[in-house]
Amino acid sequence: MNIENIYGEDKWAALGGFSPIITVFRSFHALTPEMEDIINRDTFPVHFAKNKHIASPLKYNRYIFLILEGAVHGYLKMGNKKITTWIAAENELAGTIRNLWENESSDEYIETIDPVFAIAIPHEMTKLLYENFPIANYVGRKMTEIYFQGASERAYICRLPTALKRYQRFLISYPNLINRVPLKYVASFTGMRLETLSRIRKKAPTEK
């Protein structure tokens, strides 16, 4: 799948006149006009249908995505099984975590759970900002810290000894996802069978 800007020069018309990535970066540090010009030039909106791969081992990993609408999950293939390793929804970044920011193929897949509207962030733009603007390195460090914290939490959940404890921790860490994505992805993410998750939910239903 080739990802490209289909909106032309009017790509930011429906989004306030500038890339939402600028708002994200500004939340960490003020940007220079030159940085904002590069971000507006190189990032662009994209749409993906439900159940479509936005990254896979068959594609070079050229982008990371800011999700504005929809949800995705990252997974690895083990034989015929899909093992969900992370889930992301609105206002989160999605990319192949195992080789983040690199233009390389990965053994990781990213698949849309429902229709997704996102902003594509080229890795080449990220490298350009890193090489020319010290502020970009600060912003990148802060964003990497968030990624590391997320990875640490996912590892913690996976190490909990019982399905019930993993489910309870999932509710604490990702309360927005339990009623947001199909349970089969939650079950895979927490390392249990869907039937096990269903039994646990009947005993400990989620709060509304």
N, C-alpha and C. Protein backbone atom coordinates (compact mmCIF):
# COMPACT_ATOMS: atom_id res chain seq x y z
N MET A 1 0.84 -1.19 0.00
CA MET A 1 0.00 0.00 0.00
C MET A 1 0.88 1.24 0.00
N ASN A 2 0.67 2.13 -1.00
CA ASN A 2 1.40 3.39 -1.04
C ASN A 2 0.60 4.44 -0.28
N ILE A 3 1.24 5.08 0.68
CA ILE A 3 0.61 6.12 1.48
C ILE A 3 1.04 7.46 0.91
N GLU A 4 0.07 8.29 0.53
CA GLU A 4 0.42 9.58 -0.06
C GLU A 4 -0.63 10.62 0.29
N ASN A 5 -0.26 11.88 0.08
CA ASN A 5 -1.17 12.99 0.33
C ASN A 5 -2.15 13.10 -0.84
N ILE A 6 -3.43 12.87 -0.57
CA ILE A 6 -4.43 12.96 -1.63
C ILE A 6 -5.18 14.30 -1.58
N TYR A 7 -4.82 15.15 -0.64
CA TYR A 7 -5.54 16.41 -0.45
C TYR A 7 -4.86 17.60 -1.12
N GLY A 8 -3.63 17.44 -1.55
CA GLY A 8 -2.91 18.54 -2.17
C GLY A 8 -2.62 19.67 -1.19
N GLU A 9 -2.62 20.90 -1.70
CA GLU A 9 -2.27 22.05 -0.87
C GLU A 9 -3.34 22.37 0.17
N ASP A 10 -4.54 21.83 0.01
CA ASP A 10 -5.63 22.09 0.96
C ASP A 10 -5.70 21.04 2.06
N LYS A 11 -4.62 20.32 2.30
CA LYS A 11 -4.68 19.18 3.23
C LYS A 11 -5.03 19.57 4.65
N TRP A 12 -4.78 20.82 5.06
CA TRP A 12 -5.07 21.22 6.44
C TRP A 12 -6.33 22.08 6.55
N ALA A 13 -7.07 22.22 5.47
CA ALA A 13 -8.24 23.11 5.46
C ALA A 13 -9.27 22.72 6.50
N ALA A 14 -9.49 21.42 6.68
CA ALA A 14 -10.51 20.95 7.62
C ALA A 14 -9.96 20.73 9.03
N LEU A 15 -8.68 21.07 9.24
CA LEU A 15 -8.03 20.80 10.53
C LEU A 15 -7.45 22.06 11.15
N GLY A 16 -8.10 23.18 10.92
CA GLY A 16 -7.67 24.43 11.53
C GLY A 16 -6.57 25.15 10.80
N GLY A 17 -6.18 24.65 9.63
CA GLY A 17 -5.19 25.35 8.83
C GLY A 17 -3.75 24.92 9.04
N PHE A 18 -3.52 23.96 9.97
CA PHE A 18 -2.15 23.48 10.17
C PHE A 18 -2.19 22.04 10.69
N SER A 19 -1.04 21.38 10.62
CA SER A 19 -0.94 19.98 11.01
C SER A 19 -1.19 19.80 12.51
N PRO A 20 -2.03 18.84 12.90
CA PRO A 20 -2.22 18.55 14.33
C PRO A 20 -0.93 18.13 15.03
N ILE A 21 0.06 17.71 14.27
CA ILE A 21 1.34 17.33 14.87
C ILE A 21 1.98 18.54 15.55
N ILE A 22 1.75 19.72 15.02
CA ILE A 22 2.30 20.93 15.63
C ILE A 22 1.74 21.11 17.03
N THR A 23 0.44 20.86 17.20
CA THR A 23 -0.17 20.98 18.52
C THR A 23 0.45 19.98 19.50
N VAL A 24 0.69 18.76 19.02
CA VAL A 24 1.31 17.74 19.87
C VAL A 24 2.70 18.17 20.29
N PHE A 25 3.51 18.60 19.33
CA PHE A 25 4.88 19.01 19.64
C PHE A 25 4.90 20.22 20.57
N ARG A 26 3.98 21.17 20.33
CA ARG A 26 3.93 22.37 21.17
C ARG A 26 3.60 22.03 22.63
N SER A 27 2.93 20.90 22.86
CA SER A 27 2.60 20.52 24.23
C SER A 27 3.86 20.20 25.03
N PHE A 28 4.97 19.95 24.33
CA PHE A 28 6.25 19.68 25.00
C PHE A 28 7.18 20.89 24.99
N HIS A 29 7.12 21.68 23.91
CA HIS A 29 8.03 22.83 23.80
C HIS A 29 7.55 23.71 22.65
N ALA A 30 7.74 25.01 22.79
CA ALA A 30 7.44 25.93 21.68
C ALA A 30 8.32 25.60 20.48
N LEU A 31 7.77 25.77 19.28
CA LEU A 31 8.49 25.45 18.05
C LEU A 31 8.88 26.71 17.31
N THR A 32 9.92 26.61 16.51
CA THR A 32 10.30 27.74 15.66
C THR A 32 9.40 27.75 14.42
N PRO A 33 9.27 28.91 13.76
CA PRO A 33 8.49 28.95 12.51
C PRO A 33 9.03 27.99 11.46
N GLU A 34 10.34 27.83 11.40
CA GLU A 34 10.93 26.91 10.42
C GLU A 34 10.50 25.47 10.68
N MET A 35 10.47 25.07 11.94
CA MET A 35 10.02 23.72 12.28
C MET A 35 8.56 23.51 11.89
N GLU A 36 7.74 24.51 12.17
CA GLU A 36 6.32 24.39 11.84
C GLU A 36 6.11 24.31 10.32
N ASP A 37 6.90 25.06 9.57
CA ASP A 37 6.81 24.99 8.11
C ASP A 37 7.12 23.59 7.60
N ILE A 38 8.18 22.98 8.16
CA ILE A 38 8.56 21.62 7.74
C ILE A 38 7.48 20.62 8.09
N ILE A 39 6.92 20.73 9.29
CA ILE A 39 5.87 19.80 9.72
C ILE A 39 4.63 19.94 8.83
N ASN A 40 4.23 21.19 8.56
CA ASN A 40 3.08 21.40 7.68
C ASN A 40 3.33 20.86 6.28
N ARG A 41 4.56 20.99 5.82
CA ARG A 41 4.90 20.53 4.47
C ARG A 41 4.93 19.01 4.36
N ASP A 42 5.51 18.34 5.36
CA ASP A 42 5.83 16.92 5.21
C ASP A 42 4.81 15.96 5.80
N THR A 43 4.03 16.38 6.78
CA THR A 43 2.99 15.50 7.31
C THR A 43 1.71 15.68 6.50
N PHE A 44 0.81 14.69 6.58
CA PHE A 44 -0.42 14.78 5.80
C PHE A 44 -1.47 13.83 6.37
N PRO A 45 -2.76 14.14 6.14
CA PRO A 45 -3.84 13.28 6.64
C PRO A 45 -4.00 12.03 5.78
N VAL A 46 -4.39 10.94 6.43
CA VAL A 46 -4.63 9.69 5.72
C VAL A 46 -5.87 9.00 6.31
N HIS A 47 -6.54 8.23 5.47
CA HIS A 47 -7.68 7.43 5.89
C HIS A 47 -7.36 5.96 5.63
N PHE A 48 -7.75 5.09 6.55
CA PHE A 48 -7.61 3.65 6.38
C PHE A 48 -8.95 2.99 6.68
N ALA A 49 -9.35 2.03 5.87
CA ALA A 49 -10.58 1.29 6.11
C ALA A 49 -10.38 0.32 7.27
N LYS A 50 -11.47 -0.24 7.74
CA LYS A 50 -11.43 -1.23 8.81
C LYS A 50 -10.69 -2.49 8.36
N ASN A 51 -9.93 -3.07 9.29
CA ASN A 51 -9.21 -4.33 9.06
C ASN A 51 -8.16 -4.23 7.95
N LYS A 52 -7.53 -3.06 7.83
CA LYS A 52 -6.47 -2.86 6.86
C LYS A 52 -5.13 -2.72 7.56
N HIS A 53 -4.08 -3.22 6.94
CA HIS A 53 -2.74 -3.09 7.51
C HIS A 53 -2.14 -1.74 7.10
N ILE A 54 -1.68 -1.00 8.10
CA ILE A 54 -0.98 0.24 7.80
C ILE A 54 0.53 0.05 7.92
N ALA A 55 0.95 -1.11 8.41
CA ALA A 55 2.37 -1.49 8.43
C ALA A 55 2.42 -3.01 8.54
N SER A 56 3.44 -3.60 7.94
CA SER A 56 3.61 -5.06 7.98
C SER A 56 5.02 -5.40 7.55
N PRO A 57 5.45 -6.67 7.71
CA PRO A 57 6.78 -7.06 7.25
C PRO A 57 6.97 -6.90 5.74
N LEU A 58 5.87 -6.75 5.00
CA LEU A 58 5.97 -6.60 3.55
C LEU A 58 6.21 -5.16 3.13
N LYS A 59 6.15 -4.23 4.09
CA LYS A 59 6.32 -2.82 3.78
C LYS A 59 7.49 -2.24 4.57
N TYR A 60 8.20 -1.30 3.96
CA TYR A 60 9.18 -0.55 4.74
C TYR A 60 8.45 0.35 5.72
N ASN A 61 9.03 0.48 6.89
CA ASN A 61 8.43 1.27 7.95
C ASN A 61 8.81 2.73 7.74
N ARG A 62 7.99 3.48 7.01
CA ARG A 62 8.34 4.85 6.62
C ARG A 62 7.63 5.92 7.47
N TYR A 63 6.61 5.52 8.23
CA TYR A 63 5.81 6.52 8.93
C TYR A 63 5.47 6.06 10.35
N ILE A 64 5.18 7.05 11.18
CA ILE A 64 4.45 6.82 12.41
C ILE A 64 3.19 7.66 12.28
N PHE A 65 2.11 7.27 12.96
CA PHE A 65 0.81 7.90 12.73
C PHE A 65 0.22 8.45 14.03
N LEU A 66 -0.32 9.65 13.96
CA LEU A 66 -1.12 10.21 15.04
C LEU A 66 -2.57 9.90 14.73
N ILE A 67 -3.22 9.11 15.57
CA ILE A 67 -4.61 8.71 15.32
C ILE A 67 -5.55 9.83 15.78
N LEU A 68 -6.36 10.32 14.86
CA LEU A 68 -7.37 11.31 15.20
C LEU A 68 -8.74 10.66 15.42
N GLU A 69 -9.03 9.63 14.66
CA GLU A 69 -10.27 8.88 14.81
C GLU A 69 -9.97 7.41 14.56
N GLY A 70 -10.57 6.53 15.39
CA GLY A 70 -10.40 5.10 15.19
C GLY A 70 -9.41 4.46 16.14
N ALA A 71 -9.12 3.19 15.90
CA ALA A 71 -8.21 2.43 16.76
C ALA A 71 -7.45 1.41 15.91
N VAL A 72 -6.25 1.04 16.38
CA VAL A 72 -5.42 0.05 15.71
C VAL A 72 -4.83 -0.88 16.76
N HIS A 73 -4.34 -2.03 16.30
CA HIS A 73 -3.57 -2.88 17.21
C HIS A 73 -2.32 -3.35 16.49
N GLY A 74 -1.25 -3.48 17.27
CA GLY A 74 -0.03 -4.06 16.76
C GLY A 74 0.02 -5.52 17.15
N TYR A 75 0.49 -6.38 16.23
CA TYR A 75 0.54 -7.80 16.56
C TYR A 75 1.70 -8.48 15.87
N LEU A 76 2.07 -9.64 16.41
CA LEU A 76 3.06 -10.52 15.82
C LEU A 76 2.38 -11.81 15.43
N LYS A 77 2.85 -12.45 14.39
CA LYS A 77 2.31 -13.73 13.96
C LYS A 77 3.11 -14.86 14.57
N MET A 78 2.41 -15.79 15.21
CA MET A 78 3.00 -17.02 15.73
C MET A 78 2.26 -18.18 15.09
N GLY A 79 2.79 -18.67 13.97
CA GLY A 79 2.06 -19.66 13.20
C GLY A 79 0.82 -19.03 12.60
N ASN A 80 -0.34 -19.59 12.90
CA ASN A 80 -1.60 -19.03 12.41
C ASN A 80 -2.24 -18.07 13.40
N LYS A 81 -1.58 -17.82 14.52
CA LYS A 81 -2.16 -16.96 15.56
C LYS A 81 -1.62 -15.54 15.46
N LYS A 82 -2.50 -14.59 15.77
CA LYS A 82 -2.11 -13.20 15.90
C LYS A 82 -1.99 -12.88 17.40
N ILE A 83 -0.82 -12.43 17.82
CA ILE A 83 -0.60 -12.07 19.22
C ILE A 83 -0.57 -10.55 19.32
N THR A 84 -1.64 -9.97 19.86
CA THR A 84 -1.71 -8.52 20.01
C THR A 84 -0.73 -8.05 21.08
N THR A 85 0.14 -7.12 20.70
CA THR A 85 1.16 -6.62 21.63
C THR A 85 0.85 -5.22 22.15
N TRP A 86 0.00 -4.48 21.45
CA TRP A 86 -0.42 -3.16 21.92
C TRP A 86 -1.67 -2.73 21.16
N ILE A 87 -2.38 -1.79 21.76
CA ILE A 87 -3.59 -1.22 21.16
C ILE A 87 -3.51 0.29 21.33
N ALA A 88 -3.89 1.03 20.30
CA ALA A 88 -3.89 2.50 20.38
C ALA A 88 -5.16 3.04 19.76
N ALA A 89 -5.65 4.15 20.31
CA ALA A 89 -6.87 4.79 19.81
C ALA A 89 -6.62 6.29 19.66
N GLU A 90 -7.70 7.07 19.68
CA GLU A 90 -7.61 8.49 19.40
C GLU A 90 -6.56 9.20 20.26
N ASN A 91 -5.85 10.14 19.59
CA ASN A 91 -4.85 11.00 20.23
C ASN A 91 -3.61 10.25 20.69
N GLU A 92 -3.39 9.06 20.12
CA GLU A 92 -2.18 8.30 20.43
C GLU A 92 -1.38 8.10 19.16
N LEU A 93 -0.08 7.85 19.32
CA LEU A 93 0.79 7.56 18.20
C LEU A 93 0.82 6.06 17.94
N ALA A 94 0.87 5.68 16.69
CA ALA A 94 0.94 4.27 16.30
C ALA A 94 2.07 4.08 15.31
N GLY A 95 2.96 3.15 15.62
CA GLY A 95 4.07 2.84 14.73
C GLY A 95 4.66 1.50 15.11
N THR A 96 5.51 0.96 14.26
CA THR A 96 6.14 -0.32 14.56
C THR A 96 7.18 -0.10 15.65
N ILE A 97 6.82 -0.43 16.85
CA ILE A 97 7.60 -0.09 18.03
C ILE A 97 8.98 -0.75 18.01
N ARG A 98 9.07 -1.94 17.40
CA ARG A 98 10.33 -2.68 17.45
C ARG A 98 11.43 -2.02 16.63
N ASN A 99 11.07 -1.09 15.72
CA ASN A 99 12.10 -0.31 15.02
C ASN A 99 11.59 1.11 14.80
N LEU A 100 11.17 1.72 15.91
CA LEU A 100 10.58 3.05 15.88
C LEU A 100 11.52 4.06 15.22
N TRP A 101 10.94 4.91 14.34
CA TRP A 101 11.62 6.00 13.65
C TRP A 101 12.57 5.52 12.55
N GLU A 102 12.61 4.24 12.24
CA GLU A 102 13.55 3.75 11.24
C GLU A 102 12.84 3.33 9.96
N ASN A 103 13.46 3.60 8.80
CA ASN A 103 12.91 3.20 7.50
C ASN A 103 13.33 1.77 7.19
N GLU A 104 12.84 0.82 7.96
CA GLU A 104 13.20 -0.57 7.79
C GLU A 104 11.95 -1.44 7.87
N SER A 105 12.05 -2.65 7.33
CA SER A 105 10.96 -3.58 7.49
C SER A 105 10.95 -4.11 8.92
N SER A 106 9.80 -4.59 9.35
CA SER A 106 9.65 -5.08 10.72
C SER A 106 8.84 -6.37 10.69
N ASP A 107 9.01 -7.20 11.73
CA ASP A 107 8.19 -8.41 11.83
C ASP A 107 6.85 -8.11 12.50
N GLU A 108 6.59 -6.84 12.77
CA GLU A 108 5.37 -6.43 13.43
C GLU A 108 4.34 -5.96 12.41
N TYR A 109 3.07 -6.23 12.70
CA TYR A 109 1.96 -5.76 11.88
C TYR A 109 1.18 -4.70 12.65
N ILE A 110 0.65 -3.72 11.94
CA ILE A 110 -0.31 -2.78 12.52
C ILE A 110 -1.58 -2.86 11.68
N GLU A 111 -2.69 -3.17 12.34
CA GLU A 111 -3.96 -3.38 11.65
C GLU A 111 -5.03 -2.48 12.26
N THR A 112 -5.86 -1.89 11.40
CA THR A 112 -6.94 -1.05 11.91
C THR A 112 -8.04 -1.93 12.50
N ILE A 113 -8.58 -1.49 13.62
CA ILE A 113 -9.70 -2.19 14.27
C ILE A 113 -11.02 -1.67 13.73
N ASP A 114 -11.06 -0.38 13.42
CA ASP A 114 -12.20 0.22 12.75
C ASP A 114 -11.65 1.30 11.82
N PRO A 115 -12.48 1.98 11.04
CA PRO A 115 -11.94 3.01 10.14
C PRO A 115 -11.11 4.03 10.90
N VAL A 116 -9.98 4.39 10.31
CA VAL A 116 -9.02 5.27 10.99
C VAL A 116 -8.75 6.51 10.14
N PHE A 117 -8.77 7.65 10.82
CA PHE A 117 -8.31 8.91 10.24
C PHE A 117 -7.09 9.33 11.06
N ALA A 118 -5.97 9.53 10.39
CA ALA A 118 -4.72 9.78 11.10
C ALA A 118 -3.85 10.78 10.35
N ILE A 119 -2.79 11.20 11.00
CA ILE A 119 -1.78 12.05 10.37
C ILE A 119 -0.52 11.23 10.20
N ALA A 120 -0.03 11.16 8.96
CA ALA A 120 1.20 10.42 8.67
C ALA A 120 2.41 11.31 8.93
N ILE A 121 3.37 10.78 9.71
CA ILE A 121 4.59 11.51 10.07
C ILE A 121 5.77 10.76 9.46
N PRO A 122 6.37 11.25 8.39
CA PRO A 122 7.49 10.53 7.76
C PRO A 122 8.71 10.49 8.68
N HIS A 123 9.36 9.34 8.73
CA HIS A 123 10.58 9.23 9.52
C HIS A 123 11.68 10.17 9.00
N GLU A 124 11.70 10.39 7.68
CA GLU A 124 12.72 11.28 7.12
C GLU A 124 12.54 12.69 7.64
N MET A 125 11.29 13.12 7.84
CA MET A 125 11.05 14.45 8.43
C MET A 125 11.55 14.50 9.86
N THR A 126 11.28 13.44 10.62
CA THR A 126 11.73 13.38 12.01
C THR A 126 13.26 13.51 12.09
N LYS A 127 13.95 12.78 11.22
CA LYS A 127 15.42 12.85 11.21
C LYS A 127 15.90 14.24 10.81
N LEU A 128 15.21 14.86 9.84
CA LEU A 128 15.57 16.21 9.43
C LEU A 128 15.45 17.18 10.59
N LEU A 129 14.37 17.07 11.36
CA LEU A 129 14.19 17.95 12.51
C LEU A 129 15.26 17.70 13.56
N TYR A 130 15.55 16.41 13.82
CA TYR A 130 16.59 16.08 14.80
C TYR A 130 17.94 16.68 14.43
N GLU A 131 18.27 16.63 13.15
CA GLU A 131 19.59 17.05 12.70
C GLU A 131 19.76 18.56 12.68
N ASN A 132 18.65 19.29 12.63
CA ASN A 132 18.75 20.74 12.42
C ASN A 132 18.19 21.60 13.55
N PHE A 133 17.45 20.99 14.48
CA PHE A 133 16.80 21.80 15.51
C PHE A 133 16.95 21.12 16.87
N PRO A 134 17.72 21.69 17.79
CA PRO A 134 17.86 21.11 19.12
C PRO A 134 16.51 20.90 19.82
N ILE A 135 15.55 21.78 19.58
CA ILE A 135 14.24 21.63 20.19
C ILE A 135 13.63 20.29 19.83
N ALA A 136 13.83 19.85 18.59
CA ALA A 136 13.25 18.59 18.13
C ALA A 136 13.78 17.42 18.94
N ASN A 137 15.03 17.48 19.33
CA ASN A 137 15.60 16.39 20.14
C ASN A 137 14.96 16.35 21.52
N TYR A 138 14.64 17.52 22.07
CA TYR A 138 13.95 17.56 23.35
C TYR A 138 12.55 16.98 23.22
N VAL A 139 11.82 17.41 22.19
CA VAL A 139 10.47 16.88 21.96
C VAL A 139 10.52 15.37 21.73
N GLY A 140 11.49 14.93 20.92
CA GLY A 140 11.62 13.50 20.66
C GLY A 140 11.91 12.71 21.92
N ARG A 141 12.73 13.26 22.80
CA ARG A 141 13.03 12.57 24.06
C ARG A 141 11.78 12.43 24.91
N LYS A 142 10.99 13.50 25.00
CA LYS A 142 9.77 13.45 25.81
C LYS A 142 8.78 12.45 25.23
N MET A 143 8.68 12.38 23.92
CA MET A 143 7.76 11.42 23.30
C MET A 143 8.27 9.99 23.47
N THR A 144 9.58 9.81 23.41
CA THR A 144 10.15 8.49 23.62
C THR A 144 9.93 8.03 25.06
N GLU A 145 9.97 8.96 26.01
CA GLU A 145 9.68 8.62 27.40
C GLU A 145 8.26 8.07 27.53
N ILE A 146 7.32 8.69 26.83
CA ILE A 146 5.94 8.20 26.86
C ILE A 146 5.85 6.80 26.27
N TYR A 147 6.56 6.57 25.17
CA TYR A 147 6.58 5.24 24.56
C TYR A 147 7.18 4.22 25.52
N PHE A 148 8.27 4.61 26.19
CA PHE A 148 8.93 3.69 27.12
C PHE A 148 8.01 3.35 28.29
N GLN A 149 7.32 4.35 28.82
CA GLN A 149 6.38 4.10 29.91
C GLN A 149 5.28 3.14 29.47
N GLY A 150 4.79 3.32 28.25
CA GLY A 150 3.76 2.42 27.74
C GLY A 150 4.28 1.00 27.58
N ALA A 151 5.51 0.88 27.05
CA ALA A 151 6.10 -0.45 26.88
C ALA A 151 6.33 -1.12 28.23
N SER A 152 6.75 -0.34 29.23
CA SER A 152 6.97 -0.88 30.57
C SER A 152 5.66 -1.39 31.17
N GLU A 153 4.59 -0.65 30.98
CA GLU A 153 3.29 -1.07 31.51
C GLU A 153 2.80 -2.34 30.82
N ARG A 154 2.99 -2.42 29.52
CA ARG A 154 2.58 -3.63 28.80
C ARG A 154 3.36 -4.85 29.30
N ALA A 155 4.66 -4.66 29.52
CA ALA A 155 5.48 -5.77 30.03
C ALA A 155 5.03 -6.18 31.43
N TYR A 156 4.66 -5.20 32.25
CA TYR A 156 4.20 -5.49 33.60
C TYR A 156 2.92 -6.33 33.57
N ILE A 157 1.97 -5.92 32.72
CA ILE A 157 0.72 -6.67 32.61
C ILE A 157 0.99 -8.12 32.22
N CYS A 158 1.87 -8.30 31.25
CA CYS A 158 2.15 -9.66 30.76
C CYS A 158 2.79 -10.55 31.82
N ARG A 159 3.48 -9.96 32.80
CA ARG A 159 4.16 -10.75 33.81
C ARG A 159 3.28 -11.09 35.01
N LEU A 160 2.11 -10.51 35.09
CA LEU A 160 1.23 -10.83 36.22
C LEU A 160 0.80 -12.29 36.14
N PRO A 161 0.72 -12.99 37.29
CA PRO A 161 0.63 -14.45 37.27
C PRO A 161 -0.74 -15.04 36.92
N THR A 162 -1.82 -14.27 37.04
CA THR A 162 -3.14 -14.85 36.76
C THR A 162 -3.89 -13.99 35.76
N ALA A 163 -4.83 -14.63 35.06
CA ALA A 163 -5.65 -13.91 34.08
C ALA A 163 -6.45 -12.80 34.75
N LEU A 164 -6.96 -13.07 35.96
CA LEU A 164 -7.74 -12.06 36.66
C LEU A 164 -6.90 -10.83 36.97
N LYS A 165 -5.68 -11.03 37.46
CA LYS A 165 -4.81 -9.89 37.78
C LYS A 165 -4.46 -9.11 36.51
N ARG A 166 -4.22 -9.81 35.41
CA ARG A 166 -3.91 -9.12 34.16
C ARG A 166 -5.10 -8.29 33.70
N TYR A 167 -6.31 -8.83 33.82
CA TYR A 167 -7.51 -8.11 33.43
C TYR A 167 -7.72 -6.89 34.33
N GLN A 168 -7.55 -7.07 35.62
CA GLN A 168 -7.73 -5.94 36.54
C GLN A 168 -6.73 -4.83 36.26
N ARG A 169 -5.49 -5.21 35.97
CA ARG A 169 -4.49 -4.19 35.65
C ARG A 169 -4.82 -3.50 34.33
N PHE A 170 -5.33 -4.26 33.38
CA PHE A 170 -5.73 -3.67 32.10
C PHE A 170 -6.78 -2.58 32.31
N LEU A 171 -7.75 -2.85 33.19
CA LEU A 171 -8.80 -1.87 33.47
C LEU A 171 -8.22 -0.59 34.07
N ILE A 172 -7.18 -0.75 34.89
CA ILE A 172 -6.54 0.42 35.50
C ILE A 172 -5.74 1.21 34.46
N SER A 173 -5.01 0.50 33.62
CA SER A 173 -4.10 1.14 32.69
C SER A 173 -4.78 1.64 31.43
N TYR A 174 -5.81 0.93 30.98
CA TYR A 174 -6.47 1.26 29.72
C TYR A 174 -7.99 1.27 29.87
N PRO A 175 -8.53 2.09 30.78
CA PRO A 175 -9.98 2.09 30.99
C PRO A 175 -10.77 2.50 29.76
N ASN A 176 -10.14 3.26 28.87
CA ASN A 176 -10.83 3.73 27.67
C ASN A 176 -10.96 2.66 26.60
N LEU A 177 -10.26 1.54 26.75
CA LEU A 177 -10.23 0.54 25.68
C LEU A 177 -11.18 -0.63 25.90
N ILE A 178 -11.54 -0.92 27.14
CA ILE A 178 -12.27 -2.16 27.42
C ILE A 178 -13.62 -2.19 26.71
N ASN A 179 -14.29 -1.06 26.58
CA ASN A 179 -15.55 -1.00 25.84
C ASN A 179 -15.39 -0.32 24.49
N ARG A 180 -14.13 -0.17 24.07
CA ARG A 180 -13.83 0.55 22.83
C ARG A 180 -13.42 -0.38 21.70
N VAL A 181 -12.80 -1.53 22.04
CA VAL A 181 -12.28 -2.43 21.02
C VAL A 181 -12.85 -3.83 21.24
N PRO A 182 -12.89 -4.67 20.19
CA PRO A 182 -13.38 -6.04 20.36
C PRO A 182 -12.60 -6.80 21.44
N LEU A 183 -13.33 -7.62 22.19
CA LEU A 183 -12.71 -8.32 23.31
C LEU A 183 -11.63 -9.31 22.86
N LYS A 184 -11.70 -9.77 21.62
CA LYS A 184 -10.67 -10.72 21.17
C LYS A 184 -9.29 -10.09 21.21
N TYR A 185 -9.20 -8.77 20.98
CA TYR A 185 -7.92 -8.09 21.04
C TYR A 185 -7.47 -7.89 22.49
N VAL A 186 -8.43 -7.61 23.36
CA VAL A 186 -8.11 -7.47 24.78
C VAL A 186 -7.61 -8.81 25.33
N ALA A 187 -8.29 -9.90 24.94
CA ALA A 187 -7.89 -11.23 25.40
C ALA A 187 -6.48 -11.57 24.93
N SER A 188 -6.19 -11.30 23.67
CA SER A 188 -4.86 -11.59 23.14
C SER A 188 -3.81 -10.73 23.83
N PHE A 189 -4.11 -9.45 24.03
CA PHE A 189 -3.18 -8.52 24.68
C PHE A 189 -2.85 -8.96 26.10
N THR A 190 -3.85 -9.48 26.81
CA THR A 190 -3.65 -9.88 28.21
C THR A 190 -3.30 -11.36 28.36
N GLY A 191 -3.07 -12.04 27.24
CA GLY A 191 -2.56 -13.40 27.30
C GLY A 191 -3.54 -14.42 27.83
N MET A 192 -4.79 -14.35 27.37
CA MET A 192 -5.77 -15.34 27.80
C MET A 192 -6.71 -15.67 26.66
N ARG A 193 -7.44 -16.75 26.80
CA ARG A 193 -8.44 -17.12 25.81
C ARG A 193 -9.64 -16.19 25.94
N LEU A 194 -10.34 -16.00 24.83
CA LEU A 194 -11.52 -15.14 24.85
C LEU A 194 -12.56 -15.68 25.83
N GLU A 195 -12.69 -17.01 25.92
CA GLU A 195 -13.65 -17.60 26.84
C GLU A 195 -13.29 -17.27 28.29
N THR A 196 -11.98 -17.26 28.59
CA THR A 196 -11.53 -16.92 29.94
C THR A 196 -11.87 -15.47 30.26
N LEU A 197 -11.63 -14.58 29.31
CA LEU A 197 -11.94 -13.17 29.52
C LEU A 197 -13.44 -12.98 29.75
N SER A 198 -14.26 -13.69 28.99
CA SER A 198 -15.71 -13.57 29.16
C SER A 198 -16.14 -14.01 30.55
N ARG A 199 -15.55 -15.09 31.06
CA ARG A 199 -15.90 -15.57 32.41
C ARG A 199 -15.49 -14.55 33.46
N ILE A 200 -14.29 -13.98 33.30
CA ILE A 200 -13.82 -13.00 34.27
C ILE A 200 -14.71 -11.77 34.27
N ARG A 201 -15.11 -11.32 33.09
CA ARG A 201 -15.96 -10.13 33.01
C ARG A 201 -17.33 -10.34 33.64
N LYS A 202 -17.83 -11.55 33.60
CA LYS A 202 -19.11 -11.83 34.24
C LYS A 202 -19.00 -11.77 35.76
N LYS A 203 -17.82 -12.15 36.27
CA LYS A 203 -17.61 -12.10 37.72
C LYS A 203 -17.22 -10.70 38.16
N ALA A 204 -16.52 -9.97 37.31
CA ALA A 204 -16.06 -8.61 37.67
C ALA A 204 -16.38 -7.68 36.53
N PRO A 205 -17.65 -7.33 36.32
CA PRO A 205 -18.06 -6.50 35.18
C PRO A 205 -17.43 -5.13 35.27
N THR A 206 -17.23 -4.52 34.09
CA THR A 206 -16.65 -3.17 34.04
C THR A 206 -17.67 -2.16 34.52
N GLU A 207 -17.14 -1.09 35.10
CA GLU A 207 -18.00 -0.01 35.53
C GLU A 207 -18.45 0.81 34.33
N LYS A 208 -19.68 1.32 34.38
CA LYS A 208 -20.20 2.13 33.30
C LYS A 208 -19.99 3.61 33.61
